[in-house]
Each structure stands twice: as structure tokens, then as C-alpha cells.
Amino acid sequence: MIAVLVAGVVWWRRRVGAAVLVVGTVLVATGLSTLTKYVVGRERPPVAMRVVGALHPSYPSGHATATTALAGVTLLVYLGSRPGRVRAWGAAVSAAVLVVAMCATRLYLGVHWFTDVVGGVLLGTTVVLCAAVVQIRWQVDNEPTARSLNAQQGKEI
């Protein structure tokens, strides 16, 4: 839900490609997390340790994966707008704090082992790095070249 809200704000700011990147990144990360859970099949901590109930396998943490993917891709889109150095650092620290807080809640609630949240963060980060490659590739492919700019202006190279 939050990814759709973030994508809506990005779309509203007329950045359709970035909005698709946000939703796509979170969907891919969530899908890979779910698939990995069922392939690995790791048991959650004992019921006596849990504050809340949880039914599905434990590794990787889906919350950690999705939060990392959303915070990372939002940071990626924000940095693409070329903010100042202080704002960029502030955004990066905010994203990191958000991810750490989500991981801490999963551990506090007793529904994940430490390695589950680390695995989720690593998976989410991997998907964000892939999204960064997609974003860079899209920008390179859609950036006007000197030849096309000169052709539009009627000049020879």
C-alpha cells in the first residue's frame, strides 16, 4: 500500500517511469521473498518467544525485504532529482533508520531470527541495485544524443 502511495506521488510529479520503477521494485522484492521463504522453509522462533502470531516460513523476513526495497527505490528516485548534498545524506540516513526500525520490530516481536532480517535486507538491497541498473539504462537509452539534437536543429555533425 505504501509503495502505491509513493508511486502515486511520483506519478503526480510527472515522473511516470520512476513511479513504475517504485512499484515494480517492491513487487519483485516481495515476490522473491515469498518464493525464497517456501524454497528455504525455515521455521520461525519458538511460539513462546513470539509476541504475535506468524504462520509462514521465516527466512527471509518479508517485512525487512519490502521495507528495504521501498526505502531504497524511493531514495534512488529522490537522488535522481539531484538534491543538494545535505538533502541527499539526510534522505539516505532516513531510509537507513526506517529499515533498521522495521528490522528491530521483527526481532522484538519474536517472529524472526536475526539472520532472517539480514537476509531480507540483503535481498531488498539486491533488488534495488537491479532497479538502479534499469534506471540508468533507461536514462541512457532515452537521453538525446548530440547527433539527434543537431539533426533536430538542422545541423551537420
C-alpha atoms as a PDB file:
ATOM      1  CA  MET A   1       0.000   0.000   0.000  1.00  0.00           C
ATOM      2  CA  ILE A   2       2.746   2.448   0.891  1.00  0.00           C
ATOM      3  CA  ALA A   3       4.581   1.668  -2.359  1.00  0.00           C
ATOM      4  CA  VAL A   4       1.441   2.528  -4.327  1.00  0.00           C
ATOM      5  CA  LEU A   5       1.104   5.773  -2.368  1.00  0.00           C
ATOM      6  CA  VAL A   6       4.749   6.703  -3.034  1.00  0.00           C
ATOM      7  CA  ALA A   7       4.345   5.792  -6.713  1.00  0.00           C
ATOM      8  CA  GLY A   8       1.205   7.955  -6.864  1.00  0.00           C
ATOM      9  CA  VAL A   9       3.114  10.958  -5.557  1.00  0.00           C
ATOM     10  CA  VAL A  10       5.949  10.326  -8.012  1.00  0.00           C
ATOM     11  CA  TRP A  11       3.444   9.883 -10.872  1.00  0.00           C
ATOM     12  CA  TRP A  12       1.696  13.119  -9.863  1.00  0.00           C
ATOM     13  CA  ARG A  13       5.029  14.893 -10.205  1.00  0.00           C
ATOM     14  CA  ARG A  14       5.010  13.690 -13.845  1.00  0.00           C
ATOM     15  CA  ARG A  15       7.648  11.031 -13.404  1.00  0.00           C
ATOM     16  CA  VAL A  16       5.767   8.041 -14.764  1.00  0.00           C
ATOM     17  CA  GLY A  17       8.867   5.898 -15.335  1.00  0.00           C
ATOM     18  CA  ALA A  18      10.019   6.449 -11.758  1.00  0.00           C
ATOM     19  CA  ALA A  19       6.555   5.563 -10.433  1.00  0.00           C
ATOM     20  CA  VAL A  20       6.629   2.277 -12.356  1.00  0.00           C
ATOM     21  CA  LEU A  21      10.141   1.649 -11.019  1.00  0.00           C
ATOM     22  CA  VAL A  22       8.921   2.087  -7.421  1.00  0.00           C
ATOM     23  CA  VAL A  23       6.002  -0.327  -7.743  1.00  0.00           C
ATOM     24  CA  GLY A  24       7.981  -2.802  -9.849  1.00  0.00           C
ATOM     25  CA  THR A  25      10.893  -2.906  -7.422  1.00  0.00           C
ATOM     26  CA  VAL A  26       8.685  -3.576  -4.411  1.00  0.00           C
ATOM     27  CA  LEU A  27       6.667  -6.219  -6.289  1.00  0.00           C
ATOM     28  CA  VAL A  28       9.795  -8.049  -7.452  1.00  0.00           C
ATOM     29  CA  ALA A  29      11.359  -7.919  -3.969  1.00  0.00           C
ATOM     30  CA  THR A  30       8.170  -9.173  -2.329  1.00  0.00           C
ATOM     31  CA  GLY A  31       7.756 -11.944  -4.889  1.00  0.00           C
ATOM     32  CA  LEU A  32      11.346 -13.109  -4.487  1.00  0.00           C
ATOM     33  CA  SER A  33      10.988 -13.017  -0.701  1.00  0.00           C
ATOM     34  CA  THR A  34       7.875 -15.177  -0.804  1.00  0.00           C
ATOM     35  CA  LEU A  35       9.473 -17.616  -3.232  1.00  0.00           C
ATOM     36  CA  THR A  36      12.609 -17.854  -1.096  1.00  0.00           C
ATOM     37  CA  LYS A  37      10.541 -18.462   2.051  1.00  0.00           C
ATOM     38  CA  TYR A  38       8.976 -21.567   0.530  1.00  0.00           C
ATOM     39  CA  VAL A  39      12.203 -22.843  -1.030  1.00  0.00           C
ATOM     40  CA  VAL A  40      14.167 -22.499   2.240  1.00  0.00           C
ATOM     41  CA  GLY A  41      11.281 -23.361   4.578  1.00  0.00           C
ATOM     42  CA  ARG A  42      12.981 -22.129   7.752  1.00  0.00           C
ATOM     43  CA  GLU A  43      10.998 -22.394  10.963  1.00  0.00           C
ATOM     44  CA  ARG A  44      10.229 -19.285  12.979  1.00  0.00           C
ATOM     45  CA  PRO A  45      11.422 -18.830  16.560  1.00  0.00           C
ATOM     46  CA  PRO A  46       9.510 -20.882  19.163  1.00  0.00           C
ATOM     47  CA  VAL A  47       5.936 -19.763  19.893  1.00  0.00           C
ATOM     48  CA  ALA A  48       6.899 -18.974  23.486  1.00  0.00           C
ATOM     49  CA  MET A  49       9.275 -16.262  22.197  1.00  0.00           C
ATOM     50  CA  ARG A  50       6.695 -14.585  19.944  1.00  0.00           C
ATOM     51  CA  VAL A  51       4.621 -11.563  20.912  1.00  0.00           C
ATOM     52  CA  VAL A  52       2.364 -12.027  17.861  1.00  0.00           C
ATOM     53  CA  GLY A  53       1.417 -14.987  15.741  1.00  0.00           C
ATOM     54  CA  ALA A  54       3.011 -15.781  12.380  1.00  0.00           C
ATOM     55  CA  LEU A  55       2.180 -18.608  10.030  1.00  0.00           C
ATOM     56  CA  HIS A  56       4.545 -18.608   7.070  1.00  0.00           C
ATOM     57  CA  PRO A  57       8.191 -19.670   6.935  1.00  0.00           C
ATOM     58  CA  SER A  58      10.708 -17.309   8.457  1.00  0.00           C
ATOM     59  CA  TYR A  59      13.609 -16.745   6.035  1.00  0.00           C
ATOM     60  CA  PRO A  60      13.922 -14.083   4.680  1.00  0.00           C
ATOM     61  CA  SER A  61      11.830 -11.520   6.507  1.00  0.00           C
ATOM     62  CA  GLY A  62       9.246 -10.213   4.079  1.00  0.00           C
ATOM     63  CA  HIS A  63       8.848  -7.003   6.074  1.00  0.00           C
ATOM     64  CA  ALA A  64      12.602  -6.351   6.010  1.00  0.00           C
ATOM     65  CA  THR A  65      12.754  -7.141   2.282  1.00  0.00           C
ATOM     66  CA  ALA A  66       9.829  -4.923   1.317  1.00  0.00           C
ATOM     67  CA  THR A  67      10.873  -2.044   3.573  1.00  0.00           C
ATOM     68  CA  THR A  68      14.423  -2.130   2.226  1.00  0.00           C
ATOM     69  CA  ALA A  69      13.157  -2.249  -1.354  1.00  0.00           C
ATOM     70  CA  LEU A  70      10.707   0.615  -0.830  1.00  0.00           C
ATOM     71  CA  ALA A  71      13.142   2.812   1.102  1.00  0.00           C
ATOM     72  CA  GLY A  72      15.938   2.065  -1.353  1.00  0.00           C
ATOM     73  CA  VAL A  73      13.989   2.691  -4.546  1.00  0.00           C
ATOM     74  CA  THR A  74      12.420   5.838  -3.077  1.00  0.00           C
ATOM     75  CA  LEU A  75      15.927   7.044  -2.236  1.00  0.00           C
ATOM     76  CA  LEU A  76      17.054   6.131  -5.756  1.00  0.00           C
ATOM     77  CA  VAL A  77      14.224   8.142  -7.330  1.00  0.00           C
ATOM     78  CA  TYR A  78      14.850  11.052  -4.978  1.00  0.00           C
ATOM     79  CA  LEU A  79      18.571  11.113  -5.721  1.00  0.00           C
ATOM     80  CA  GLY A  80      17.692  11.099  -9.424  1.00  0.00           C
ATOM     81  CA  SER A  81      16.137  14.526  -8.915  1.00  0.00           C
ATOM     82  CA  ARG A  82      19.625  15.784  -7.926  1.00  0.00           C
ATOM     83  CA  PRO A  83      19.074  17.193  -4.462  1.00  0.00           C
ATOM     84  CA  GLY A  84      21.846  19.009  -2.635  1.00  0.00           C
ATOM     85  CA  ARG A  85      24.477  17.052  -0.761  1.00  0.00           C
ATOM     86  CA  VAL A  86      22.926  17.680   2.668  1.00  0.00           C
ATOM     87  CA  ARG A  87      19.464  16.624   1.477  1.00  0.00           C
ATOM     88  CA  ALA A  88      20.875  13.510  -0.170  1.00  0.00           C
ATOM     89  CA  TRP A  89      22.640  12.487   3.066  1.00  0.00           C
ATOM     90  CA  GLY A  90      19.508  13.257   5.075  1.00  0.00           C
ATOM     91  CA  ALA A  91      17.411  11.088   2.766  1.00  0.00           C
ATOM     92  CA  ALA A  92      19.936   8.239   2.924  1.00  0.00           C
ATOM     93  CA  VAL A  93      20.069   8.346   6.727  1.00  0.00           C
ATOM     94  CA  SER A  94      16.256   8.450   6.896  1.00  0.00           C
ATOM     95  CA  ALA A  95      15.996   5.391   4.641  1.00  0.00           C
ATOM     96  CA  ALA A  96      18.541   3.503   6.755  1.00  0.00           C
ATOM     97  CA  VAL A  97      16.761   4.399  10.005  1.00  0.00           C
ATOM     98  CA  LEU A  98      13.458   3.196   8.547  1.00  0.00           C
ATOM     99  CA  VAL A  99      14.958  -0.157   7.564  1.00  0.00           C
ATOM    100  CA  VAL A 100      16.714  -0.637  10.918  1.00  0.00           C
ATOM    101  CA  ALA A 101      13.495   0.229  12.779  1.00  0.00           C
ATOM    102  CA  MET A 102      11.499  -2.321  10.776  1.00  0.00           C
ATOM    103  CA  CYS A 103      14.119  -4.994  11.414  1.00  0.00           C
ATOM    104  CA  ALA A 104      14.157  -4.175  15.124  1.00  0.00           C
ATOM    105  CA  THR A 105      10.374  -4.578  15.341  1.00  0.00           C
ATOM    106  CA  ARG A 106      10.527  -8.013  13.692  1.00  0.00           C
ATOM    107  CA  LEU A 107      13.137  -9.116  16.226  1.00  0.00           C
ATOM    108  CA  TYR A 108      11.321  -7.542  19.182  1.00  0.00           C
ATOM    109  CA  LEU A 109       8.078  -9.277  18.220  1.00  0.00           C
ATOM    110  CA  GLY A 110       9.955 -12.581  18.155  1.00  0.00           C
ATOM    111  CA  VAL A 111       8.745 -13.583  14.692  1.00  0.00           C
ATOM    112  CA  HIS A 112      12.201 -13.702  13.070  1.00  0.00           C
ATOM    113  CA  TRP A 113      15.734 -14.729  13.786  1.00  0.00           C
ATOM    114  CA  PHE A 114      18.469 -12.113  13.271  1.00  0.00           C
ATOM    115  CA  THR A 115      19.621 -13.846  10.085  1.00  0.00           C
ATOM    116  CA  ASP A 116      16.072 -13.612   8.700  1.00  0.00           C
ATOM    117  CA  VAL A 117      16.090  -9.819   8.805  1.00  0.00           C
ATOM    118  CA  VAL A 118      19.670  -9.647   7.492  1.00  0.00           C
ATOM    119  CA  GLY A 119      18.652 -11.888   4.596  1.00  0.00           C
ATOM    120  CA  GLY A 120      15.631  -9.684   3.928  1.00  0.00           C
ATOM    121  CA  VAL A 121      17.763  -6.536   3.885  1.00  0.00           C
ATOM    122  CA  LEU A 122      20.273  -8.164   1.532  1.00  0.00           C
ATOM    123  CA  LEU A 123      17.521  -9.358  -0.800  1.00  0.00           C
ATOM    124  CA  GLY A 124      15.824  -5.949  -0.811  1.00  0.00           C
ATOM    125  CA  THR A 125      19.154  -4.225  -1.448  1.00  0.00           C
ATOM    126  CA  THR A 126      19.925  -6.563  -4.347  1.00  0.00           C
ATOM    127  CA  VAL A 127      16.604  -5.773  -5.997  1.00  0.00           C
ATOM    128  CA  VAL A 128      17.196  -2.015  -5.511  1.00  0.00           C
ATOM    129  CA  LEU A 129      20.627  -2.325  -7.126  1.00  0.00           C
ATOM    130  CA  CYS A 130      19.000  -4.080 -10.081  1.00  0.00           C
ATOM    131  CA  ALA A 131      16.437  -1.262 -10.227  1.00  0.00           C
ATOM    132  CA  ALA A 132      19.306   1.249 -10.281  1.00  0.00           C
ATOM    133  CA  VAL A 133      20.781  -0.534 -13.304  1.00  0.00           C
ATOM    134  CA  VAL A 134      17.376  -0.428 -15.011  1.00  0.00           C
ATOM    135  CA  GLN A 135      17.013   3.279 -14.211  1.00  0.00           C
ATOM    136  CA  ILE A 136      20.487   4.119 -15.538  1.00  0.00           C
ATOM    137  CA  ARG A 137      19.937   2.043 -18.664  1.00  0.00           C
ATOM    138  CA  TRP A 138      16.591   3.740 -19.288  1.00  0.00           C
ATOM    139  CA  GLN A 139      18.154   7.177 -18.869  1.00  0.00           C
ATOM    140  CA  VAL A 140      20.993   6.331 -21.264  1.00  0.00           C
ATOM    141  CA  ASP A 141      18.629   4.899 -23.874  1.00  0.00           C
ATOM    142  CA  ASN A 142      16.283   7.888 -23.662  1.00  0.00           C
ATOM    143  CA  GLU A 143      18.881  10.643 -23.406  1.00  0.00           C
ATOM    144  CA  PRO A 144      19.099  12.680 -26.584  1.00  0.00           C
ATOM    145  CA  THR A 145      22.445  12.304 -28.329  1.00  0.00           C
ATOM    146  CA  ALA A 146      24.420  15.097 -29.933  1.00  0.00           C
ATOM    147  CA  ARG A 147      23.607  13.659 -33.372  1.00  0.00           C
ATOM    148  CA  SER A 148      19.836  13.692 -32.771  1.00  0.00           C
ATOM    149  CA  LEU A 149      19.956  17.184 -31.253  1.00  0.00           C
ATOM    150  CA  ASN A 150      21.910  18.518 -34.207  1.00  0.00           C
ATOM    151  CA  ALA A 151      19.572  16.745 -36.644  1.00  0.00           C
ATOM    152  CA  GLN A 152      16.606  18.422 -34.960  1.00  0.00           C
ATOM    153  CA  GLN A 153      18.323  21.786 -35.343  1.00  0.00           C
ATOM    154  CA  GLY A 154      19.239  21.076 -38.990  1.00  0.00           C
ATOM    155  CA  LYS A 155      23.000  20.978 -38.421  1.00  0.00           C
ATOM    156  CA  GLU A 156      25.580  18.512 -39.718  1.00  0.00           C
ATOM    157  CA  ILE A 157      27.986  16.799 -37.347  1.00  0.00           C
END
